[in-house]
Amino acid sequence: MSSAAVDAKVPSEEWTNCSTCSLPGTAKWNHKWHSALRWKFSGADAMIITNDGSKVGVNRRRLAAQSPFFNAVFFGGFSESPKRAVRLPSISYDRLYEALYVMEKLDILGSDFVFNISLTKTLQIYETANFLAIDKVSEWLADLAIKLMVPEELINTFRRVEYRCPPFASRLHTLIVHNFDRIYYNQTFLMLKEAELVGFLKNHRLNLTPKQEKTMVEEFLVYHPEEENQVLQAMRQETLKRTDEWGYLGRPRTPNKVLITFGGWSTGGPSAAVEAFDIVACLTRPAPTTPLSASTAPSSPSAASTASTTSPPCAGSTLTR
């Protein structure tokens, strides 16, 4: 464990010869060490020393049960370590306390636990919990971060976790693809590298219209004139040669959402025809007829026309999951 070192300076006599402690012996905390703790979690029988020298009392068995990292620190080699002080020189007191606080509350409250914190704070605690391999805390914080996510932070957050936590990064990648129209409007796509932008353009679920794709590529090339962008330039030339209207993919993209209308009114009277409005292509397409008895209450044509008129999404609005 490169980032954790068992403190070799613990004087063993202090564990057995404490005149003020009513519970002597190596199996119990002595009075002197308890008084030195900055914070003590329930059942504390060991301490973690952070990068500023702060000491946090923890329960070894509880931590080992939650984290393979601490299991190796306290019970490596299938035996209990005689040392009860662990130094974490790369972890601050605040980050450690917050991660262990969430862990303790999840143990007590489970799904009822509510933690009102910002997206920035959530990601900070997440990085600590992920580094210390406290999996339950990491998963809970990842879910919270997804709920708090806003379009402006998608790309930055994806880069922070791309290599350190692939499952979380995969969820963020899906959010980026489904909400690329918002990234287009706030122009954070300019933060991407050429390879990243090409990868998104090749994704058949990218939520952009062909017109938006072409505008985005032109703006990206103007914003990065010092870069060669050879792949993107080649894709642009190939797209300009084609006469179709499908943008850089060369075929219709798969929409991540559609507006379905049924049970409308035609010139011949009531109709059971089903149509789907493709938001990416801005087209209304015929869909297989669905029995009215198997569907919900019919939508009116006016509602369909209203929903199909889209406007730039608001910053910070709810993302499409």
C-alpha atoms as a PDB file:
ATOM      1  CA  MET A   1       0.000   0.000   0.000  1.00  0.00           C
ATOM      2  CA  SER A   2       1.985   2.959  -1.283  1.00  0.00           C
ATOM      3  CA  SER A   3      -0.307   5.573   0.234  1.00  0.00           C
ATOM      4  CA  ALA A   4      -0.819   3.953   3.614  1.00  0.00           C
ATOM      5  CA  ALA A   5       1.899   3.120   6.097  1.00  0.00           C
ATOM      6  CA  VAL A   6       1.460   1.447   9.449  1.00  0.00           C
ATOM      7  CA  ASP A   7       2.925   3.735  12.064  1.00  0.00           C
ATOM      8  CA  ALA A   8       6.038   2.042  13.429  1.00  0.00           C
ATOM      9  CA  LYS A   9       6.538   4.657  16.159  1.00  0.00           C
ATOM     10  CA  VAL A  10       3.730   3.498  18.395  1.00  0.00           C
ATOM     11  CA  PRO A  11       5.313   2.765  21.791  1.00  0.00           C
ATOM     12  CA  SER A  12       4.028  -0.642  22.834  1.00  0.00           C
ATOM     13  CA  GLU A  13       4.347   0.139  26.552  1.00  0.00           C
ATOM     14  CA  GLU A  14       1.673   2.825  26.243  1.00  0.00           C
ATOM     15  CA  TRP A  15      -0.817   0.122  25.345  1.00  0.00           C
ATOM     16  CA  THR A  16      -0.183  -1.880  28.505  1.00  0.00           C
ATOM     17  CA  ASN A  17       0.941   0.658  31.119  1.00  0.00           C
ATOM     18  CA  CYS A  18      -1.691   3.401  31.237  1.00  0.00           C
ATOM     19  CA  SER A  19      -2.360   4.573  34.810  1.00  0.00           C
ATOM     20  CA  THR A  20      -5.511   6.487  33.872  1.00  0.00           C
ATOM     21  CA  CYS A  21      -7.180   3.833  31.708  1.00  0.00           C
ATOM     22  CA  SER A  22      -9.497   1.394  33.456  1.00  0.00           C
ATOM     23  CA  LEU A  23      -9.173  -1.100  30.593  1.00  0.00           C
ATOM     24  CA  PRO A  24      -5.452  -1.874  30.130  1.00  0.00           C
ATOM     25  CA  GLY A  25      -3.999  -4.186  27.491  1.00  0.00           C
ATOM     26  CA  THR A  26      -3.399  -4.222  23.752  1.00  0.00           C
ATOM     27  CA  ALA A  27      -7.050  -5.073  23.033  1.00  0.00           C
ATOM     28  CA  LYS A  28      -8.286  -1.659  24.289  1.00  0.00           C
ATOM     29  CA  TRP A  29      -7.534   1.966  23.598  1.00  0.00           C
ATOM     30  CA  ASN A  30      -5.469   3.727  26.248  1.00  0.00           C
ATOM     31  CA  HIS A  31      -6.547   7.047  27.703  1.00  0.00           C
ATOM     32  CA  LYS A  32      -3.712   9.088  26.221  1.00  0.00           C
ATOM     33  CA  TRP A  33      -4.519   8.099  22.652  1.00  0.00           C
ATOM     34  CA  HIS A  34      -8.230   8.760  23.040  1.00  0.00           C
ATOM     35  CA  SER A  35      -7.582  12.334  24.173  1.00  0.00           C
ATOM     36  CA  ALA A  36      -5.398  12.961  21.100  1.00  0.00           C
ATOM     37  CA  LEU A  37      -8.145  12.118  18.583  1.00  0.00           C
ATOM     38  CA  ARG A  38      -9.643  14.955  16.568  1.00  0.00           C
ATOM     39  CA  TRP A  39     -12.726  12.831  15.866  1.00  0.00           C
ATOM     40  CA  LYS A  40     -13.800   9.392  17.010  1.00  0.00           C
ATOM     41  CA  PHE A  41     -16.333   7.241  15.177  1.00  0.00           C
ATOM     42  CA  SER A  42     -18.372   4.689  17.108  1.00  0.00           C
ATOM     43  CA  GLY A  43     -16.497   1.614  18.316  1.00  0.00           C
ATOM     44  CA  ALA A  44     -13.086   3.166  17.644  1.00  0.00           C
ATOM     45  CA  ASP A  45     -10.182   0.816  18.338  1.00  0.00           C
ATOM     46  CA  ALA A  46      -7.602   2.241  15.904  1.00  0.00           C
ATOM     47  CA  MET A  47      -6.633   5.572  14.418  1.00  0.00           C
ATOM     48  CA  ILE A  48      -5.938   7.005  10.984  1.00  0.00           C
ATOM     49  CA  ILE A  49      -3.480   9.891  10.758  1.00  0.00           C
ATOM     50  CA  THR A  50      -4.143  12.281   7.873  1.00  0.00           C
ATOM     51  CA  ASN A  51      -1.734  14.513   5.945  1.00  0.00           C
ATOM     52  CA  ASP A  52      -2.019  17.363   8.471  1.00  0.00           C
ATOM     53  CA  GLY A  53      -1.373  15.103  11.462  1.00  0.00           C
ATOM     54  CA  SER A  54      -5.005  14.906  12.563  1.00  0.00           C
ATOM     55  CA  LYS A  55      -6.018  11.612  14.183  1.00  0.00           C
ATOM     56  CA  VAL A  56      -9.373   9.968  13.494  1.00  0.00           C
ATOM     57  CA  GLY A  57     -10.593   7.074  15.619  1.00  0.00           C
ATOM     58  CA  VAL A  58     -12.089   4.205  13.588  1.00  0.00           C
ATOM     59  CA  ASN A  59     -13.307   0.674  14.100  1.00  0.00           C
ATOM     60  CA  ARG A  60     -10.950  -1.674  12.266  1.00  0.00           C
ATOM     61  CA  ARG A  61     -13.376  -4.510  11.684  1.00  0.00           C
ATOM     62  CA  ARG A  62     -16.098  -2.224  10.377  1.00  0.00           C
ATOM     63  CA  LEU A  63     -13.691  -0.554   7.970  1.00  0.00           C
ATOM     64  CA  ALA A  64     -12.233  -3.886   6.861  1.00  0.00           C
ATOM     65  CA  ALA A  65     -15.731  -5.201   6.134  1.00  0.00           C
ATOM     66  CA  GLN A  66     -16.460  -2.180   3.909  1.00  0.00           C
ATOM     67  CA  SER A  67     -13.121  -1.756   2.164  1.00  0.00           C
ATOM     68  CA  PRO A  68     -10.544  -4.243   0.805  1.00  0.00           C
ATOM     69  CA  PHE A  69      -8.003  -1.429   1.214  1.00  0.00           C
ATOM     70  CA  PHE A  70      -8.459  -1.302   4.992  1.00  0.00           C
ATOM     71  CA  ASN A  71      -8.859  -5.058   5.173  1.00  0.00           C
ATOM     72  CA  ALA A  72      -5.332  -5.360   3.795  1.00  0.00           C
ATOM     73  CA  VAL A  73      -4.033  -2.628   6.136  1.00  0.00           C
ATOM     74  CA  PHE A  74      -5.471  -3.996   9.376  1.00  0.00           C
ATOM     75  CA  PHE A  75      -5.720  -7.713   8.638  1.00  0.00           C
ATOM     76  CA  GLY A  76      -3.170  -8.361   5.922  1.00  0.00           C
ATOM     77  CA  GLY A  77      -1.762 -11.876   5.825  1.00  0.00           C
ATOM     78  CA  PHE A  78      -4.987 -13.267   7.372  1.00  0.00           C
ATOM     79  CA  SER A  79      -3.930 -12.126  10.823  1.00  0.00           C
ATOM     80  CA  GLU A  80      -4.734  -9.120  12.987  1.00  0.00           C
ATOM     81  CA  SER A  81      -2.062  -6.450  12.881  1.00  0.00           C
ATOM     82  CA  PRO A  82      -0.637  -5.401  16.272  1.00  0.00           C
ATOM     83  CA  LYS A  83      -0.356  -1.825  14.997  1.00  0.00           C
ATOM     84  CA  ARG A  84      -3.372   0.408  15.328  1.00  0.00           C
ATOM     85  CA  ALA A  85      -2.202   3.648  13.738  1.00  0.00           C
ATOM     86  CA  VAL A  86      -2.262   4.091   9.965  1.00  0.00           C
ATOM     87  CA  ARG A  87      -0.833   7.084   8.163  1.00  0.00           C
ATOM     88  CA  LEU A  88      -2.559   8.311   4.990  1.00  0.00           C
ATOM     89  CA  PRO A  89      -0.252  11.118   3.791  1.00  0.00           C
ATOM     90  CA  SER A  90      -2.287  11.782   0.628  1.00  0.00           C
ATOM     91  CA  ILE A  91      -5.671  12.174   2.375  1.00  0.00           C
ATOM     92  CA  SER A  92      -6.819  15.317   4.197  1.00  0.00           C
ATOM     93  CA  TYR A  93      -8.784  15.205   7.429  1.00  0.00           C
ATOM     94  CA  ASP A  94     -11.876  16.760   5.844  1.00  0.00           C
ATOM     95  CA  ARG A  95     -12.024  14.261   2.984  1.00  0.00           C
ATOM     96  CA  LEU A  96     -11.480  11.271   5.284  1.00  0.00           C
ATOM     97  CA  TYR A  97     -14.044  12.445   7.831  1.00  0.00           C
ATOM     98  CA  GLU A  98     -16.666  13.065   5.129  1.00  0.00           C
ATOM     99  CA  ALA A  99     -16.172   9.659   3.508  1.00  0.00           C
ATOM    100  CA  LEU A 100     -16.379   7.825   6.841  1.00  0.00           C
ATOM    101  CA  TYR A 101     -19.351   9.958   7.907  1.00  0.00           C
ATOM    102  CA  VAL A 102     -21.278   8.874   4.802  1.00  0.00           C
ATOM    103  CA  MET A 103     -20.278   5.255   5.439  1.00  0.00           C
ATOM    104  CA  GLU A 104     -21.534   5.373   9.027  1.00  0.00           C
ATOM    105  CA  LYS A 105     -24.820   7.056   8.068  1.00  0.00           C
ATOM    106  CA  LEU A 106     -25.452   4.528   5.297  1.00  0.00           C
ATOM    107  CA  ASP A 107     -24.937   1.719   7.820  1.00  0.00           C
ATOM    108  CA  ILE A 108     -27.461   3.287  10.189  1.00  0.00           C
ATOM    109  CA  LEU A 109     -30.059   4.803   7.846  1.00  0.00           C
ATOM    110  CA  GLY A 110     -29.596   2.885   4.610  1.00  0.00           C
ATOM    111  CA  SER A 111     -31.718   4.241   1.753  1.00  0.00           C
ATOM    112  CA  ASP A 112     -33.295   6.833   4.086  1.00  0.00           C
ATOM    113  CA  PHE A 113     -30.014   8.741   4.360  1.00  0.00           C
ATOM    114  CA  VAL A 114     -30.220  12.216   2.779  1.00  0.00           C
ATOM    115  CA  PHE A 115     -27.086  14.335   2.360  1.00  0.00           C
ATOM    116  CA  ASN A 116     -27.666  17.871   1.033  1.00  0.00           C
ATOM    117  CA  ILE A 117     -24.350  18.743  -0.597  1.00  0.00           C
ATOM    118  CA  SER A 118     -23.233  20.311  -3.859  1.00  0.00           C
ATOM    119  CA  LEU A 119     -22.013  18.461  -6.936  1.00  0.00           C
ATOM    120  CA  THR A 120     -18.458  19.673  -6.277  1.00  0.00           C
ATOM    121  CA  LYS A 121     -18.473  18.342  -2.712  1.00  0.00           C
ATOM    122  CA  THR A 122     -20.038  15.074  -3.857  1.00  0.00           C
ATOM    123  CA  LEU A 123     -17.233  14.487  -6.353  1.00  0.00           C
ATOM    124  CA  GLN A 124     -14.561  15.355  -3.770  1.00  0.00           C
ATOM    125  CA  ILE A 125     -15.888  12.801  -1.296  1.00  0.00           C
ATOM    126  CA  TYR A 126     -16.392  10.301  -4.113  1.00  0.00           C
ATOM    127  CA  GLU A 127     -12.734  10.492  -5.127  1.00  0.00           C
ATOM    128  CA  THR A 128     -11.645   9.797  -1.539  1.00  0.00           C
ATOM    129  CA  ALA A 129     -14.060   6.893  -1.082  1.00  0.00           C
ATOM    130  CA  ASN A 130     -13.055   5.431  -4.434  1.00  0.00           C
ATOM    131  CA  PHE A 131      -9.343   5.770  -3.585  1.00  0.00           C
ATOM    132  CA  LEU A 132      -9.893   4.000  -0.256  1.00  0.00           C
ATOM    133  CA  ALA A 133     -12.066   1.352  -1.976  1.00  0.00           C
ATOM    134  CA  ILE A 134     -15.098   1.973   0.248  1.00  0.00           C
ATOM    135  CA  ASP A 135     -17.370   0.573  -2.444  1.00  0.00           C
ATOM    136  CA  LYS A 136     -20.761   1.195  -0.849  1.00  0.00           C
ATOM    137  CA  VAL A 137     -19.959   4.864  -0.313  1.00  0.00           C
ATOM    138  CA  SER A 138     -18.552   5.214  -3.842  1.00  0.00           C
ATOM    139  CA  GLU A 139     -21.674   3.743  -5.429  1.00  0.00           C
ATOM    140  CA  TRP A 140     -24.005   5.895  -3.337  1.00  0.00           C
ATOM    141  CA  LEU A 141     -22.069   9.071  -4.157  1.00  0.00           C
ATOM    142  CA  ALA A 142     -21.966   8.177  -7.864  1.00  0.00           C
ATOM    143  CA  ASP A 143     -25.768   7.912  -7.855  1.00  0.00           C
ATOM    144  CA  LEU A 144     -25.998  11.273  -6.075  1.00  0.00           C
ATOM    145  CA  ALA A 145     -23.598  12.896  -8.559  1.00  0.00           C
ATOM    146  CA  ILE A 146     -25.711  11.665 -11.483  1.00  0.00           C
ATOM    147  CA  LYS A 147     -28.794  13.256  -9.898  1.00  0.00           C
ATOM    148  CA  LEU A 148     -26.964  16.554  -9.308  1.00  0.00           C
ATOM    149  CA  MET A 149     -25.208  16.646 -12.682  1.00  0.00           C
ATOM    150  CA  VAL A 150     -25.646  19.685 -14.938  1.00  0.00           C
ATOM    151  CA  PRO A 151     -24.640  19.977 -18.621  1.00  0.00           C
ATOM    152  CA  GLU A 152     -21.797  22.417 -17.886  1.00  0.00           C
ATOM    153  CA  GLU A 153     -19.994  19.866 -15.682  1.00  0.00           C
ATOM    154  CA  LEU A 154     -20.461  16.707 -17.760  1.00  0.00           C
ATOM    155  CA  ILE A 155     -17.189  16.753 -19.685  1.00  0.00           C
ATOM    156  CA  ASN A 156     -15.025  17.859 -16.731  1.00  0.00           C
ATOM    157  CA  THR A 157     -16.527  15.201 -14.479  1.00  0.00           C
ATOM    158  CA  PHE A 158     -16.132  12.505 -17.120  1.00  0.00           C
ATOM    159  CA  ARG A 159     -12.430  13.280 -17.399  1.00  0.00           C
ATOM    160  CA  ARG A 160     -11.956  13.192 -13.620  1.00  0.00           C
ATOM    161  CA  VAL A 161     -13.239   9.628 -13.328  1.00  0.00           C
ATOM    162  CA  GLU A 162     -12.571   8.164 -16.789  1.00  0.00           C
ATOM    163  CA  TYR A 163      -9.594   6.015 -15.767  1.00  0.00           C
ATOM    164  CA  ARG A 164     -10.138   5.760 -12.013  1.00  0.00           C
ATOM    165  CA  CYS A 165     -13.703   4.450 -12.089  1.00  0.00           C
ATOM    166  CA  PRO A 166     -14.842   2.993 -15.451  1.00  0.00           C
ATOM    167  CA  PRO A 167     -18.416   2.125 -14.289  1.00  0.00           C
ATOM    168  CA  PHE A 168     -19.095   5.725 -13.226  1.00  0.00           C
ATOM    169  CA  ALA A 169     -17.387   7.037 -16.366  1.00  0.00           C
ATOM    170  CA  SER A 170     -19.614   4.812 -18.513  1.00  0.00           C
ATOM    171  CA  ARG A 171     -22.740   6.316 -16.949  1.00  0.00           C
ATOM    172  CA  LEU A 172     -21.418   9.827 -17.552  1.00  0.00           C
ATOM    173  CA  HIS A 173     -20.562   8.950 -21.163  1.00  0.00           C
ATOM    174  CA  THR A 174     -24.178   7.901 -21.713  1.00  0.00           C
ATOM    175  CA  LEU A 175     -25.352  11.196 -20.193  1.00  0.00           C
ATOM    176  CA  ILE A 176     -23.058  13.130 -22.529  1.00  0.00           C
ATOM    177  CA  VAL A 177     -24.377  11.314 -25.613  1.00  0.00           C
ATOM    178  CA  HIS A 178     -28.023  11.770 -24.595  1.00  0.00           C
ATOM    179  CA  ASN A 179     -27.531  15.441 -23.707  1.00  0.00           C
ATOM    180  CA  PHE A 180     -25.088  16.539 -26.382  1.00  0.00           C
ATOM    181  CA  ASP A 181     -27.596  19.120 -27.593  1.00  0.00           C
ATOM    182  CA  ARG A 182     -27.077  20.955 -24.288  1.00  0.00           C
ATOM    183  CA  ILE A 183     -23.311  20.627 -24.598  1.00  0.00           C
ATOM    184  CA  TYR A 184     -23.678  22.080 -28.093  1.00  0.00           C
ATOM    185  CA  TYR A 185     -25.614  25.102 -26.825  1.00  0.00           C
ATOM    186  CA  ASN A 186     -23.274  25.875 -23.918  1.00  0.00           C
ATOM    187  CA  GLN A 187     -20.241  25.205 -26.178  1.00  0.00           C
ATOM    188  CA  THR A 188     -18.396  23.028 -23.683  1.00  0.00           C
ATOM    189  CA  PHE A 189     -17.720  20.692 -26.638  1.00  0.00           C
ATOM    190  CA  LEU A 190     -14.803  23.049 -27.371  1.00  0.00           C
ATOM    191  CA  MET A 191     -13.061  21.472 -24.354  1.00  0.00           C
ATOM    192  CA  LEU A 192     -12.966  18.106 -26.111  1.00  0.00           C
ATOM    193  CA  LYS A 193      -9.949  16.703 -27.910  1.00  0.00           C
ATOM    194  CA  GLU A 194     -10.209  15.765 -31.566  1.00  0.00           C
ATOM    195  CA  ALA A 195     -10.308  12.022 -30.851  1.00  0.00           C
ATOM    196  CA  GLU A 196     -13.059  12.526 -28.279  1.00  0.00           C
ATOM    197  CA  LEU A 197     -15.200  14.608 -30.638  1.00  0.00           C
ATOM    198  CA  VAL A 198     -14.732  12.100 -33.470  1.00  0.00           C
ATOM    199  CA  GLY A 199     -15.783   9.313 -31.118  1.00  0.00           C
ATOM    200  CA  PHE A 200     -18.990  11.130 -30.233  1.00  0.00           C
ATOM    201  CA  LEU A 201     -19.755  11.907 -33.889  1.00  0.00           C
ATOM    202  CA  LYS A 202     -19.473   8.203 -34.675  1.00  0.00           C
ATOM    203  CA  ASN A 203     -21.891   7.273 -31.883  1.00  0.00           C
ATOM    204  CA  HIS A 204     -25.244   6.489 -33.502  1.00  0.00           C
ATOM    205  CA  ARG A 205     -27.131   7.748 -30.432  1.00  0.00           C
ATOM    206  CA  LEU A 206     -25.589  11.229 -30.399  1.00  0.00           C
ATOM    207  CA  ASN A 207     -28.375  13.696 -29.671  1.00  0.00           C
ATOM    208  CA  LEU A 208     -27.664  16.304 -32.365  1.00  0.00           C
ATOM    209  CA  THR A 209     -29.295  17.238 -35.650  1.00  0.00           C
ATOM    210  CA  PRO A 210     -27.162  17.080 -38.837  1.00  0.00           C
ATOM    211  CA  LYS A 211     -27.191  20.886 -38.994  1.00  0.00           C
ATOM    212  CA  GLN A 212     -25.925  21.138 -35.418  1.00  0.00           C
ATOM    213  CA  GLU A 213     -23.190  18.577 -36.146  1.00  0.00           C
ATOM    214  CA  LYS A 214     -21.855  20.585 -39.073  1.00  0.00           C
ATOM    215  CA  THR A 215     -21.966  23.860 -37.148  1.00  0.00           C
ATOM    216  CA  MET A 216     -20.213  22.249 -34.181  1.00  0.00           C
ATOM    217  CA  VAL A 217     -17.375  20.860 -36.315  1.00  0.00           C
ATOM    218  CA  GLU A 218     -16.840  24.226 -38.027  1.00  0.00           C
ATOM    219  CA  GLU A 219     -16.682  26.002 -34.662  1.00  0.00           C
ATOM    220  CA  PHE A 220     -14.327  23.366 -33.250  1.00  0.00           C
ATOM    221  CA  LEU A 221     -11.898  23.728 -36.180  1.00  0.00           C
ATOM    222  CA  VAL A 222     -11.929  27.526 -35.860  1.00  0.00           C
ATOM    223  CA  TYR A 223     -11.396  27.325 -32.076  1.00  0.00           C
ATOM    224  CA  HIS A 224      -8.414  24.951 -32.454  1.00  0.00           C
ATOM    225  CA  PRO A 225      -6.520  26.382 -35.465  1.00  0.00           C
ATOM    226  CA  GLU A 226      -3.144  25.299 -34.101  1.00  0.00           C
ATOM    227  CA  GLU A 227      -4.163  21.645 -34.115  1.00  0.00           C
ATOM    228  CA  GLU A 228      -3.958  19.567 -37.278  1.00  0.00           C
ATOM    229  CA  ASN A 229      -7.244  17.738 -36.609  1.00  0.00           C
ATOM    230  CA  GLN A 230      -6.557  15.498 -39.596  1.00  0.00           C
ATOM    231  CA  VAL A 231      -9.252  12.921 -38.821  1.00  0.00           C
ATOM    232  CA  LEU A 232     -11.914  15.565 -38.295  1.00  0.00           C
ATOM    233  CA  GLN A 233     -10.873  17.389 -41.472  1.00  0.00           C
ATOM    234  CA  ALA A 234     -11.122  14.147 -43.454  1.00  0.00           C
ATOM    235  CA  MET A 235     -14.580  13.412 -42.007  1.00  0.00           C
ATOM    236  CA  ARG A 236     -15.660  16.931 -42.900  1.00  0.00           C
ATOM    237  CA  GLN A 237     -14.535  16.559 -46.509  1.00  0.00           C
ATOM    238  CA  GLU A 238     -16.316  13.219 -46.875  1.00  0.00           C
ATOM    239  CA  THR A 239     -19.505  14.677 -45.445  1.00  0.00           C
ATOM    240  CA  LEU A 240     -19.398  17.639 -47.842  1.00  0.00           C
ATOM    241  CA  LYS A 241     -19.149  15.248 -50.808  1.00  0.00           C
ATOM    242  CA  ARG A 242     -22.349  13.425 -49.904  1.00  0.00           C
ATOM    243  CA  THR A 243     -25.777  14.582 -51.023  1.00  0.00           C
ATOM    244  CA  ASP A 244     -27.739  13.006 -48.159  1.00  0.00           C
ATOM    245  CA  GLU A 245     -28.884  14.868 -45.067  1.00  0.00           C
ATOM    246  CA  TRP A 246     -27.563  12.512 -42.394  1.00  0.00           C
ATOM    247  CA  GLY A 247     -24.571  14.471 -41.157  1.00  0.00           C
ATOM    248  CA  TYR A 248     -21.294  12.903 -40.123  1.00  0.00           C
ATOM    249  CA  LEU A 249     -22.677   9.436 -39.426  1.00  0.00           C
ATOM    250  CA  GLY A 250     -23.912   8.996 -42.972  1.00  0.00           C
ATOM    251  CA  ARG A 251     -27.133   7.352 -41.840  1.00  0.00           C
ATOM    252  CA  PRO A 252     -30.029   8.121 -39.490  1.00  0.00           C
ATOM    253  CA  ARG A 253     -29.070   8.307 -35.837  1.00  0.00           C
ATOM    254  CA  THR A 254     -30.999   6.377 -33.214  1.00  0.00           C
ATOM    255  CA  PRO A 255     -33.008   8.913 -31.200  1.00  0.00           C
ATOM    256  CA  ASN A 256     -32.835   8.588 -27.420  1.00  0.00           C
ATOM    257  CA  LYS A 257     -36.360   9.988 -27.178  1.00  0.00           C
ATOM    258  CA  VAL A 258     -39.362  10.261 -29.476  1.00  0.00           C
ATOM    259  CA  LEU A 259     -42.752  11.906 -29.334  1.00  0.00           C
ATOM    260  CA  ILE A 260     -45.487   9.444 -30.287  1.00  0.00           C
ATOM    261  CA  THR A 261     -48.907  10.630 -31.416  1.00  0.00           C
ATOM    262  CA  PHE A 262     -51.879   8.362 -31.950  1.00  0.00           C
ATOM    263  CA  GLY A 263     -55.638   8.522 -32.137  1.00  0.00           C
ATOM    264  CA  GLY A 264     -55.545  11.866 -33.946  1.00  0.00           C
ATOM    265  CA  TRP A 265     -57.875  13.365 -36.513  1.00  0.00           C
ATOM    266  CA  SER A 266     -57.469  13.145 -40.287  1.00  0.00           C
ATOM    267  CA  THR A 267     -59.466  14.528 -43.194  1.00  0.00           C
ATOM    268  CA  GLY A 268     -61.605  11.383 -43.177  1.00  0.00           C
ATOM    269  CA  GLY A 269     -62.427  11.567 -39.482  1.00  0.00           C
ATOM    270  CA  PRO A 270     -60.910   9.896 -36.397  1.00  0.00           C
ATOM    271  CA  SER A 271     -57.686   8.026 -37.108  1.00  0.00           C
ATOM    272  CA  ALA A 272     -55.824   5.304 -35.241  1.00  0.00           C
ATOM    273  CA  ALA A 273     -52.614   5.979 -37.152  1.00  0.00           C
ATOM    274  CA  VAL A 274     -49.444   6.078 -35.079  1.00  0.00           C
ATOM    275  CA  GLU A 275     -46.598   8.456 -35.855  1.00  0.00           C
ATOM    276  CA  ALA A 276     -43.301   9.057 -34.091  1.00  0.00           C
ATOM    277  CA  PHE A 277     -41.502  12.385 -34.080  1.00  0.00           C
ATOM    278  CA  ASP A 278     -37.736  11.804 -34.320  1.00  0.00           C
ATOM    279  CA  ILE A 279     -36.222  14.635 -32.257  1.00  0.00           C
ATOM    280  CA  VAL A 280     -32.714  14.123 -33.667  1.00  0.00           C
ATOM    281  CA  ALA A 281     -33.753  14.148 -37.340  1.00  0.00           C
ATOM    282  CA  CYS A 282     -36.662  16.596 -36.815  1.00  0.00           C
ATOM    283  CA  LEU A 283     -38.908  14.308 -38.848  1.00  0.00           C
ATOM    284  CA  THR A 284     -42.244  12.620 -38.260  1.00  0.00           C
ATOM    285  CA  ARG A 285     -42.137   8.955 -39.246  1.00  0.00           C
ATOM    286  CA  PRO A 286     -44.925   6.387 -39.607  1.00  0.00           C
ATOM    287  CA  ALA A 287     -44.922   3.790 -36.834  1.00  0.00           C
ATOM    288  CA  PRO A 288     -46.590   0.366 -36.638  1.00  0.00           C
ATOM    289  CA  THR A 289     -50.265   0.695 -35.787  1.00  0.00           C
ATOM    290  CA  THR A 290     -50.977   0.063 -32.106  1.00  0.00           C
ATOM    291  CA  PRO A 291     -54.467  -0.974 -30.940  1.00  0.00           C
ATOM    292  CA  LEU A 292     -56.016   1.916 -29.035  1.00  0.00           C
ATOM    293  CA  SER A 293     -57.116  -0.467 -26.305  1.00  0.00           C
ATOM    294  CA  ALA A 294     -53.487  -1.312 -25.566  1.00  0.00           C
ATOM    295  CA  SER A 295     -52.336   2.261 -25.231  1.00  0.00           C
ATOM    296  CA  THR A 296     -52.856   5.189 -22.942  1.00  0.00           C
ATOM    297  CA  ALA A 297     -55.147   8.165 -23.529  1.00  0.00           C
ATOM    298  CA  PRO A 298     -54.551   9.591 -27.043  1.00  0.00           C
ATOM    299  CA  SER A 299     -52.556  12.750 -27.531  1.00  0.00           C
ATOM    300  CA  SER A 300     -53.957  15.577 -29.618  1.00  0.00           C
ATOM    301  CA  PRO A 301     -52.190  16.708 -32.827  1.00  0.00           C
ATOM    302  CA  SER A 302     -51.829  20.162 -31.303  1.00  0.00           C
ATOM    303  CA  ALA A 303     -49.878  18.710 -28.390  1.00  0.00           C
ATOM    304  CA  ALA A 304     -47.592  16.927 -30.836  1.00  0.00           C
ATOM    305  CA  SER A 305     -46.891  20.060 -32.815  1.00  0.00           C
ATOM    306  CA  THR A 306     -46.155  21.971 -29.616  1.00  0.00           C
ATOM    307  CA  ALA A 307     -43.720  19.358 -28.322  1.00  0.00           C
ATOM    308  CA  SER A 308     -41.918  19.127 -31.664  1.00  0.00           C
ATOM    309  CA  THR A 309     -40.988  22.812 -31.556  1.00  0.00           C
ATOM    310  CA  THR A 310     -37.745  22.702 -29.604  1.00  0.00           C
ATOM    311  CA  SER A 311     -35.713  25.534 -28.135  1.00  0.00           C
ATOM    312  CA  PRO A 312     -32.220  25.651 -26.640  1.00  0.00           C
ATOM    313  CA  PRO A 313     -32.274  23.832 -23.287  1.00  0.00           C
ATOM    314  CA  CYS A 314     -31.710  25.861 -20.167  1.00  0.00           C
ATOM    315  CA  ALA A 315     -28.396  25.650 -18.340  1.00  0.00           C
ATOM    316  CA  GLY A 316     -28.607  23.486 -15.263  1.00  0.00           C
ATOM    317  CA  SER A 317     -31.886  21.914 -16.372  1.00  0.00           C
ATOM    318  CA  THR A 318     -32.728  18.270 -15.791  1.00  0.00           C
ATOM    319  CA  LEU A 319     -30.620  15.936 -17.917  1.00  0.00           C
ATOM    320  CA  THR A 320     -32.012  13.182 -20.107  1.00  0.00           C
ATOM    321  CA  ARG A 321     -31.078   9.941 -18.376  1.00  0.00           C
END
